[in-house]
Structures are given as structure tokens and as C-alpha cells.
């Protein structure tokens, strides 16, 4: 299975945010809050989760998903998901 670094996960997430959700590139920072700073809604959040699932072939649980607030939270959650059961 392919492993991704946090930087690679961030770049994929950044691409999704910019190209699919039309977020300004300058706004996509690790500490940016998905809902307050990037003005995403729950539908956008689900879209991100689905796209990250396609990227990694792993699915975040609803519990993991509820903990996500920032861009870094997404990166960390996906990274942990990819590295569990090692």
C-alpha cells in the first residue's frame, strides 16, 4: 500500500480545496479553520472526506470526522489512518 507523507496529504487536500471548492490558495494554511476561515459547510466537509478516501483508499470514521476543525486536523487524521495497524 502506498504511504503518503503529511506534506503529500496536505498538497492533495490543498488541490481539492482550490480546484473543487474554489478556495483561494492564500487561504489554505495548516491552521485555517475549515468552517470559519474557509467558509465551508457540512456538504463541503463530506465532499472533502469522500475525495480524501479516494486518494488514500481509507475511510475516516464519523468519530474521527467530528474532531476535524482545521486543515492540519484533516492532514493528521488521514496520516494516522494510513499508519494504523502497522
PDB file of N, CA and C in Angstrom:
ATOM      1  N   UNK A   1       0.850  -1.197   0.000  1.00  0.00           N
ATOM      2  CA  UNK A   1       0.000   0.000   0.000  1.00  0.00           C
ATOM      3  C   UNK A   1       0.886   1.248   0.000  1.00  0.00           C
ATOM      4  N   UNK A   2       0.503   2.206  -0.778  1.00  0.00           N
ATOM      5  CA  UNK A   2       1.256   3.457  -0.844  1.00  0.00           C
ATOM      6  C   UNK A   2       1.113   4.232   0.452  1.00  0.00           C
ATOM      7  N   UNK A   3       2.235   4.736   0.918  1.00  0.00           N
ATOM      8  CA  UNK A   3       2.224   5.596   2.107  1.00  0.00           C
ATOM      9  C   UNK A   3       2.429   7.028   1.639  1.00  0.00           C
ATOM     10  N   UNK A   4       1.769   7.924   2.318  1.00  0.00           N
ATOM     11  CA  UNK A   4       1.910   9.336   1.971  1.00  0.00           C
ATOM     12  C   UNK A   4       2.488  10.082   3.154  1.00  0.00           C
ATOM     13  N   UNK A   5       3.319  11.089   2.861  1.00  0.00           N
ATOM     14  CA  UNK A   5       3.818  11.963   3.923  1.00  0.00           C
ATOM     15  C   UNK A   5       2.737  12.993   4.237  1.00  0.00           C
ATOM     16  N   UNK A   6       2.906  13.667   5.359  1.00  0.00           N
ATOM     17  CA  UNK A   6       1.951  14.727   5.699  1.00  0.00           C
ATOM     18  C   UNK A   6       1.969  15.815   4.636  1.00  0.00           C
ATOM     19  N   UNK A   7       3.140  16.085   4.075  1.00  0.00           N
ATOM     20  CA  UNK A   7       3.226  17.104   3.013  1.00  0.00           C
ATOM     21  C   UNK A   7       2.431  16.684   1.783  1.00  0.00           C
ATOM     22  N   UNK A   8       2.502  15.411   1.420  1.00  0.00           N
ATOM     23  CA  UNK A   8       1.753  14.924   0.258  1.00  0.00           C
ATOM     24  C   UNK A   8       0.246  14.976   0.519  1.00  0.00           C
ATOM     25  N   UNK A   9      -0.144  14.624   1.721  1.00  0.00           N
ATOM     26  CA  UNK A   9      -1.566  14.698   2.085  1.00  0.00           C
ATOM     27  C   UNK A   9      -2.036  16.147   2.037  1.00  0.00           C
ATOM     28  N   UNK A  10      -1.226  17.059   2.585  1.00  0.00           N
ATOM     29  CA  UNK A  10      -1.577  18.483   2.568  1.00  0.00           C
ATOM     30  C   UNK A  10      -1.727  18.977   1.132  1.00  0.00           C
ATOM     31  N   UNK A  11      -0.807  18.600   0.254  1.00  0.00           N
ATOM     32  CA  UNK A  11      -0.867  19.060  -1.140  1.00  0.00           C
ATOM     33  C   UNK A  11      -2.126  18.550  -1.832  1.00  0.00           C
ATOM     34  N   UNK A  12      -2.506  17.303  -1.571  1.00  0.00           N
ATOM     35  CA  UNK A  12      -3.728  16.755  -2.169  1.00  0.00           C
ATOM     36  C   UNK A  12      -4.949  17.508  -1.644  1.00  0.00           C
ATOM     37  N   UNK A  13      -4.981  17.735  -0.337  1.00  0.00           N
ATOM     38  CA  UNK A  13      -6.094  18.471   0.270  1.00  0.00           C
ATOM     39  C   UNK A  13      -6.156  19.891  -0.281  1.00  0.00           C
ATOM     40  N   UNK A  14      -5.004  20.518  -0.412  1.00  0.00           N
ATOM     41  CA  UNK A  14      -4.936  21.877  -0.957  1.00  0.00           C
ATOM     42  C   UNK A  14      -5.509  21.910  -2.380  1.00  0.00           C
ATOM     43  N   UNK A  15      -5.142  20.927  -3.188  1.00  0.00           N
ATOM     44  CA  UNK A  15      -5.658  20.838  -4.562  1.00  0.00           C
ATOM     45  C   UNK A  15      -7.183  20.718  -4.556  1.00  0.00           C
ATOM     46  N   UNK A  16      -7.704  19.864  -3.681  1.00  0.00           N
ATOM     47  CA  UNK A  16      -9.161  19.694  -3.573  1.00  0.00           C
ATOM     48  C   UNK A  16      -9.816  21.019  -3.196  1.00  0.00           C
ATOM     49  N   UNK A  17      -9.274  21.681  -2.190  1.00  0.00           N
ATOM     50  CA  UNK A  17      -9.863  22.938  -1.714  1.00  0.00           C
ATOM     51  C   UNK A  17      -9.841  24.010  -2.797  1.00  0.00           C
ATOM     52  N   UNK A  18      -8.735  24.114  -3.507  1.00  0.00           N
ATOM     53  CA  UNK A  18      -8.587  25.167  -4.527  1.00  0.00           C
ATOM     54  C   UNK A  18      -9.403  24.849  -5.783  1.00  0.00           C
ATOM     55  N   UNK A  19      -9.231  23.630  -6.312  1.00  0.00           N
ATOM     56  CA  UNK A  19      -9.844  23.298  -7.600  1.00  0.00           C
ATOM     57  C   UNK A  19     -11.322  22.935  -7.495  1.00  0.00           C
ATOM     58  N   UNK A  20     -11.683  22.198  -6.457  1.00  0.00           N
ATOM     59  CA  UNK A  20     -13.063  21.716  -6.353  1.00  0.00           C
ATOM     60  C   UNK A  20     -13.972  22.675  -5.579  1.00  0.00           C
ATOM     61  N   UNK A  21     -13.431  23.288  -4.538  1.00  0.00           N
ATOM     62  CA  UNK A  21     -14.264  24.131  -3.677  1.00  0.00           C
ATOM     63  C   UNK A  21     -13.984  25.619  -3.843  1.00  0.00           C
ATOM     64  N   UNK A  22     -13.072  25.935  -4.777  1.00  0.00           N
ATOM     65  CA  UNK A  22     -12.790  27.325  -5.158  1.00  0.00           C
ATOM     66  C   UNK A  22     -12.350  28.191  -3.985  1.00  0.00           C
ATOM     67  N   UNK A  23     -11.506  27.616  -3.133  1.00  0.00           N
ATOM     68  CA  UNK A  23     -10.916  28.363  -2.015  1.00  0.00           C
ATOM     69  C   UNK A  23      -9.654  29.036  -2.537  1.00  0.00           C
ATOM     70  N   UNK A  24      -9.419  30.277  -2.138  1.00  0.00           N
ATOM     71  CA  UNK A  24      -8.213  30.990  -2.560  1.00  0.00           C
ATOM     72  C   UNK A  24      -6.982  30.280  -1.997  1.00  0.00           C
ATOM     73  N   UNK A  25      -5.975  30.093  -2.842  1.00  0.00           N
ATOM     74  CA  UNK A  25      -4.766  29.387  -2.416  1.00  0.00           C
ATOM     75  C   UNK A  25      -4.136  30.032  -1.184  1.00  0.00           C
ATOM     76  N   UNK A  26      -4.161  31.349  -1.118  1.00  0.00           N
ATOM     77  CA  UNK A  26      -3.567  32.051   0.024  1.00  0.00           C
ATOM     78  C   UNK A  26      -4.274  31.752   1.342  1.00  0.00           C
ATOM     79  N   UNK A  27      -5.503  31.243   1.271  1.00  0.00           N
ATOM     80  CA  UNK A  27      -6.271  30.919   2.476  1.00  0.00           C
ATOM     81  C   UNK A  27      -5.988  29.520   3.007  1.00  0.00           C
ATOM     82  N   UNK A  28      -5.398  28.682   2.182  1.00  0.00           N
ATOM     83  CA  UNK A  28      -5.188  27.282   2.565  1.00  0.00           C
ATOM     84  C   UNK A  28      -3.892  27.164   3.363  1.00  0.00           C
ATOM     85  N   UNK A  29      -4.044  27.230   4.669  1.00  0.00           N
ATOM     86  CA  UNK A  29      -2.929  27.112   5.605  1.00  0.00           C
ATOM     87  C   UNK A  29      -3.287  26.039   6.623  1.00  0.00           C
ATOM     88  N   UNK A  30      -2.281  25.489   7.260  1.00  0.00           N
ATOM     89  CA  UNK A  30      -2.499  24.414   8.209  1.00  0.00           C
ATOM     90  C   UNK A  30      -3.464  24.746   9.318  1.00  0.00           C
ATOM     91  N   UNK A  31      -3.375  25.990   9.827  1.00  0.00           N
ATOM     92  CA  UNK A  31      -4.217  26.361  10.972  1.00  0.00           C
ATOM     93  C   UNK A  31      -5.558  26.970  10.551  1.00  0.00           C
ATOM     94  N   UNK A  32      -5.843  26.965   9.251  1.00  0.00           N
ATOM     95  CA  UNK A  32      -7.118  27.533   8.781  1.00  0.00           C
ATOM     96  C   UNK A  32      -8.273  26.637   9.222  1.00  0.00           C
ATOM     97  N   UNK A  33      -9.264  27.243   9.874  1.00  0.00           N
ATOM     98  CA  UNK A  33     -10.454  26.514  10.284  1.00  0.00           C
ATOM     99  C   UNK A  33     -11.327  26.300   9.050  1.00  0.00           C
ATOM    100  N   UNK A  34     -11.716  25.060   8.831  1.00  0.00           N
ATOM    101  CA  UNK A  34     -12.471  24.729   7.616  1.00  0.00           C
ATOM    102  C   UNK A  34     -13.793  25.479   7.529  1.00  0.00           C
ATOM    103  N   UNK A  35     -14.426  25.682   8.659  1.00  0.00           N
ATOM    104  CA  UNK A  35     -15.770  26.263   8.662  1.00  0.00           C
ATOM    105  C   UNK A  35     -15.756  27.775   8.859  1.00  0.00           C
ATOM    106  N   UNK A  36     -14.864  28.263   9.723  1.00  0.00           N
ATOM    107  CA  UNK A  36     -14.830  29.703   9.995  1.00  0.00           C
ATOM    108  C   UNK A  36     -13.958  30.456   8.993  1.00  0.00           C
ATOM    109  N   UNK A  37     -12.733  29.955   8.763  1.00  0.00           N
ATOM    110  CA  UNK A  37     -11.797  30.669   7.882  1.00  0.00           C
ATOM    111  C   UNK A  37     -12.061  30.400   6.406  1.00  0.00           C
ATOM    112  N   UNK A  38     -12.391  29.165   6.077  1.00  0.00           N
ATOM    113  CA  UNK A  38     -12.582  28.796   4.667  1.00  0.00           C
ATOM    114  C   UNK A  38     -14.048  28.791   4.259  1.00  0.00           C
ATOM    115  N   UNK A  39     -14.924  29.022   5.221  1.00  0.00           N
ATOM    116  CA  UNK A  39     -16.358  29.155   4.971  1.00  0.00           C
ATOM    117  C   UNK A  39     -16.970  27.925   4.298  1.00  0.00           C
ATOM    118  N   UNK A  40     -16.503  26.746   4.716  1.00  0.00           N
ATOM    119  CA  UNK A  40     -17.074  25.510   4.185  1.00  0.00           C
ATOM    120  C   UNK A  40     -18.300  25.135   5.000  1.00  0.00           C
ATOM    121  N   UNK A  41     -19.177  24.337   4.395  1.00  0.00           N
ATOM    122  CA  UNK A  41     -20.335  23.838   5.132  1.00  0.00           C
ATOM    123  C   UNK A  41     -20.217  22.317   5.259  1.00  0.00           C
ATOM    124  N   UNK A  42     -21.205  21.702   5.856  1.00  0.00           N
ATOM    125  CA  UNK A  42     -21.128  20.261   6.101  1.00  0.00           C
ATOM    126  C   UNK A  42     -21.084  19.462   4.802  1.00  0.00           C
ATOM    127  N   UNK A  43     -21.728  19.947   3.765  1.00  0.00           N
ATOM    128  CA  UNK A  43     -21.692  19.267   2.464  1.00  0.00           C
ATOM    129  C   UNK A  43     -20.264  19.297   1.907  1.00  0.00           C
ATOM    130  N   UNK A  44     -19.603  20.447   2.022  1.00  0.00           N
ATOM    131  CA  UNK A  44     -18.209  20.561   1.583  1.00  0.00           C
ATOM    132  C   UNK A  44     -17.319  19.604   2.374  1.00  0.00           C
ATOM    133  N   UNK A  45     -17.567  19.513   3.674  1.00  0.00           N
ATOM    134  CA  UNK A  45     -16.766  18.637   4.528  1.00  0.00           C
ATOM    135  C   UNK A  45     -16.915  17.180   4.106  1.00  0.00           C
ATOM    136  N   UNK A  46     -18.129  16.767   3.794  1.00  0.00           N
ATOM    137  CA  UNK A  46     -18.362  15.403   3.318  1.00  0.00           C
ATOM    138  C   UNK A  46     -17.652  15.191   1.982  1.00  0.00           C
ATOM    139  N   UNK A  47     -17.707  16.183   1.113  1.00  0.00           N
ATOM    140  CA  UNK A  47     -17.036  16.105  -0.176  1.00  0.00           C
ATOM    141  C   UNK A  47     -15.529  15.906   0.008  1.00  0.00           C
ATOM    142  N   UNK A  48     -14.943  16.657   0.942  1.00  0.00           N
ATOM    143  CA  UNK A  48     -13.517  16.511   1.241  1.00  0.00           C
ATOM    144  C   UNK A  48     -13.234  15.093   1.724  1.00  0.00           C
ATOM    145  N   UNK A  49     -14.064  14.598   2.622  1.00  0.00           N
ATOM    146  CA  UNK A  49     -13.866  13.246   3.164  1.00  0.00           C
ATOM    147  C   UNK A  49     -13.916  12.199   2.060  1.00  0.00           C
ATOM    148  N   UNK A  50     -14.869  12.333   1.145  1.00  0.00           N
ATOM    149  CA  UNK A  50     -15.005  11.380   0.039  1.00  0.00           C
ATOM    150  C   UNK A  50     -13.782  11.451  -0.875  1.00  0.00           C
ATOM    151  N   UNK A  51     -13.342  12.646  -1.173  1.00  0.00           N
ATOM    152  CA  UNK A  51     -12.186  12.800  -2.065  1.00  0.00           C
ATOM    153  C   UNK A  51     -10.898  12.291  -1.418  1.00  0.00           C
ATOM    154  N   UNK A  52     -10.743  12.520  -0.116  1.00  0.00           N
ATOM    155  CA  UNK A  52      -9.562  12.009   0.579  1.00  0.00           C
ATOM    156  C   UNK A  52      -9.629  10.482   0.664  1.00  0.00           C
ATOM    157  N   UNK A  53     -10.824   9.947   0.766  1.00  0.00           N
ATOM    158  CA  UNK A  53     -10.986   8.490   0.766  1.00  0.00           C
ATOM    159  C   UNK A  53     -10.531   7.905  -0.572  1.00  0.00           C
ATOM    160  N   UNK A  54     -10.894   8.557  -1.665  1.00  0.00           N
ATOM    161  CA  UNK A  54     -10.459   8.099  -2.991  1.00  0.00           C
ATOM    162  C   UNK A  54      -8.944   8.184  -3.120  1.00  0.00           C
ATOM    163  N   UNK A  55      -8.356   9.219  -2.557  1.00  0.00           N
ATOM    164  CA  UNK A  55      -6.910   9.446  -2.611  1.00  0.00           C
ATOM    165  C   UNK A  55      -6.166   8.371  -1.829  1.00  0.00           C
ATOM    166  N   UNK A  56      -6.696   7.973  -0.675  1.00  0.00           N
ATOM    167  CA  UNK A  56      -5.980   7.067   0.225  1.00  0.00           C
ATOM    168  C   UNK A  56      -6.506   5.636   0.238  1.00  0.00           C
ATOM    169  N   UNK A  57      -7.699   5.432  -0.283  1.00  0.00           N
ATOM    170  CA  UNK A  57      -8.386   4.143  -0.180  1.00  0.00           C
ATOM    171  C   UNK A  57      -8.691   3.764   1.270  1.00  0.00           C
ATOM    172  N   UNK A  58      -8.793   4.757   2.129  1.00  0.00           N
ATOM    173  CA  UNK A  58      -9.149   4.547   3.537  1.00  0.00           C
ATOM    174  C   UNK A  58     -10.269   5.524   3.886  1.00  0.00           C
ATOM    175  N   UNK A  59     -11.112   5.110   4.834  1.00  0.00           N
ATOM    176  CA  UNK A  59     -12.263   5.931   5.192  1.00  0.00           C
ATOM    177  C   UNK A  59     -12.161   6.402   6.643  1.00  0.00           C
ATOM    178  N   UNK A  60     -12.357   7.706   6.831  1.00  0.00           N
ATOM    179  CA  UNK A  60     -12.420   8.250   8.185  1.00  0.00           C
ATOM    180  C   UNK A  60     -13.735   7.833   8.826  1.00  0.00           C
ATOM    181  N   UNK A  61     -13.688   7.505  10.104  1.00  0.00           N
ATOM    182  CA  UNK A  61     -14.917   7.170  10.814  1.00  0.00           C
ATOM    183  C   UNK A  61     -15.666   8.448  11.149  1.00  0.00           C
ATOM    184  N   UNK A  62     -16.960   8.361  11.408  1.00  0.00           N
ATOM    185  CA  UNK A  62     -17.699   9.555  11.825  1.00  0.00           C
ATOM    186  C   UNK A  62     -17.093  10.195  13.075  1.00  0.00           C
ATOM    187  N   UNK A  63     -16.555   9.366  13.983  1.00  0.00           N
ATOM    188  CA  UNK A  63     -15.933   9.905  15.200  1.00  0.00           C
ATOM    189  C   UNK A  63     -14.690  10.726  14.855  1.00  0.00           C
ATOM    190  N   UNK A  64     -13.865  10.205  13.961  1.00  0.00           N
ATOM    191  CA  UNK A  64     -12.677  10.951  13.537  1.00  0.00           C
ATOM    192  C   UNK A  64     -13.090  12.235  12.837  1.00  0.00           C
ATOM    193  N   UNK A  65     -14.102  12.123  12.021  1.00  0.00           N
ATOM    194  CA  UNK A  65     -14.560  13.260  11.227  1.00  0.00           C
ATOM    195  C   UNK A  65     -15.055  14.403  12.111  1.00  0.00           C
ATOM    196  N   UNK A  66     -15.732  14.059  13.209  1.00  0.00           N
ATOM    197  CA  UNK A  66     -16.272  15.083  14.109  1.00  0.00           C
ATOM    198  C   UNK A  66     -15.179  15.907  14.782  1.00  0.00           C
ATOM    199  N   UNK A  67     -13.985  15.325  14.917  1.00  0.00           N
ATOM    200  CA  UNK A  67     -12.876  16.005  15.586  1.00  0.00           C
ATOM    201  C   UNK A  67     -12.172  17.010  14.679  1.00  0.00           C
ATOM    202  N   UNK A  68     -12.441  16.954  13.404  1.00  0.00           N
ATOM    203  CA  UNK A  68     -11.726  17.784  12.428  1.00  0.00           C
ATOM    204  C   UNK A  68     -12.271  19.205  12.411  1.00  0.00           C
ATOM    205  N   UNK A  69     -11.366  20.148  12.595  1.00  0.00           N
ATOM    206  CA  UNK A  69     -11.724  21.567  12.548  1.00  0.00           C
ATOM    207  C   UNK A  69     -10.857  22.359  11.561  1.00  0.00           C
ATOM    208  N   UNK A  70      -9.576  21.971  11.464  1.00  0.00           N
ATOM    209  CA  UNK A  70      -8.633  22.735  10.645  1.00  0.00           C
ATOM    210  C   UNK A  70      -8.062  21.889   9.516  1.00  0.00           C
ATOM    211  N   UNK A  71      -7.363  22.555   8.617  1.00  0.00           N
ATOM    212  CA  UNK A  71      -6.671  21.860   7.531  1.00  0.00           C
ATOM    213  C   UNK A  71      -5.692  20.846   8.114  1.00  0.00           C
ATOM    214  N   UNK A  72      -4.916  21.252   9.131  1.00  0.00           N
ATOM    215  CA  UNK A  72      -3.972  20.322   9.767  1.00  0.00           C
ATOM    216  C   UNK A  72      -4.678  19.123  10.390  1.00  0.00           C
ATOM    217  N   UNK A  73      -5.880  19.335  10.937  1.00  0.00           N
ATOM    218  CA  UNK A  73      -6.639  18.219  11.508  1.00  0.00           C
ATOM    219  C   UNK A  73      -6.934  17.166  10.439  1.00  0.00           C
ATOM    220  N   UNK A  74      -7.286  17.612   9.240  1.00  0.00           N
ATOM    221  CA  UNK A  74      -7.556  16.677   8.143  1.00  0.00           C
ATOM    222  C   UNK A  74      -6.285  15.908   7.817  1.00  0.00           C
ATOM    223  N   UNK A  75      -5.184  16.628   7.665  1.00  0.00           N
ATOM    224  CA  UNK A  75      -3.900  16.002   7.330  1.00  0.00           C
ATOM    225  C   UNK A  75      -3.524  14.984   8.403  1.00  0.00           C
ATOM    226  N   UNK A  76      -3.613  15.369   9.665  1.00  0.00           N
ATOM    227  CA  UNK A  76      -3.237  14.473  10.759  1.00  0.00           C
ATOM    228  C   UNK A  76      -4.135  13.242  10.807  1.00  0.00           C
ATOM    229  N   UNK A  77      -5.438  13.429  10.624  1.00  0.00           N
ATOM    230  CA  UNK A  77      -6.380  12.310  10.676  1.00  0.00           C
ATOM    231  C   UNK A  77      -6.107  11.323   9.541  1.00  0.00           C
ATOM    232  N   UNK A  78      -5.868  11.837   8.353  1.00  0.00           N
ATOM    233  CA  UNK A  78      -5.586  10.961   7.206  1.00  0.00           C
ATOM    234  C   UNK A  78      -4.253  10.248   7.404  1.00  0.00           C
ATOM    235  N   UNK A  79      -3.252  10.967   7.901  1.00  0.00           N
ATOM    236  CA  UNK A  79      -1.934  10.375   8.150  1.00  0.00           C
ATOM    237  C   UNK A  79      -2.039   9.239   9.177  1.00  0.00           C
ATOM    238  N   UNK A  80      -2.762   9.486  10.271  1.00  0.00           N
ATOM    239  CA  UNK A  80      -2.957   8.454  11.296  1.00  0.00           C
ATOM    240  C   UNK A  80      -3.687   7.248  10.717  1.00  0.00           C
ATOM    241  N   UNK A  81      -4.691   7.498   9.919  1.00  0.00           N
ATOM    242  CA  UNK A  81      -5.467   6.433   9.296  1.00  0.00           C
ATOM    243  C   UNK A  81      -4.581   5.537   8.431  1.00  0.00           C
ATOM    244  N   UNK A  82      -3.682   6.174   7.692  1.00  0.00           N
ATOM    245  CA  UNK A  82      -2.789   5.424   6.804  1.00  0.00           C
ATOM    246  C   UNK A  82      -1.735   4.631   7.564  1.00  0.00           C
ATOM    247  N   UNK A  83      -1.446   5.042   8.788  1.00  0.00           N
ATOM    248  CA  UNK A  83      -0.361   4.420   9.538  1.00  0.00           C
ATOM    249  C   UNK A  83      -0.840   3.539  10.688  1.00  0.00           C
ATOM    250  N   UNK A  84      -2.160   3.355  10.819  1.00  0.00           N
ATOM    251  CA  UNK A  84      -2.631   2.472  11.874  1.00  0.00           C
ATOM    252  C   UNK A  84      -2.446   1.021  11.447  1.00  0.00           C
ATOM    253  N   UNK A  85      -2.425   0.156  12.421  1.00  0.00           N
ATOM    254  CA  UNK A  85      -2.233  -1.281  12.191  1.00  0.00           C
ATOM    255  C   UNK A  85      -0.872  -1.606  11.580  1.00  0.00           C
ATOM    256  N   UNK A  86       0.106  -0.807  11.885  1.00  0.00           N
ATOM    257  CA  UNK A  86       1.467  -1.061  11.371  1.00  0.00           C
ATOM    258  C   UNK A  86       2.231  -1.915  12.354  1.00  0.00           C
TER     259      UNK A  86
END
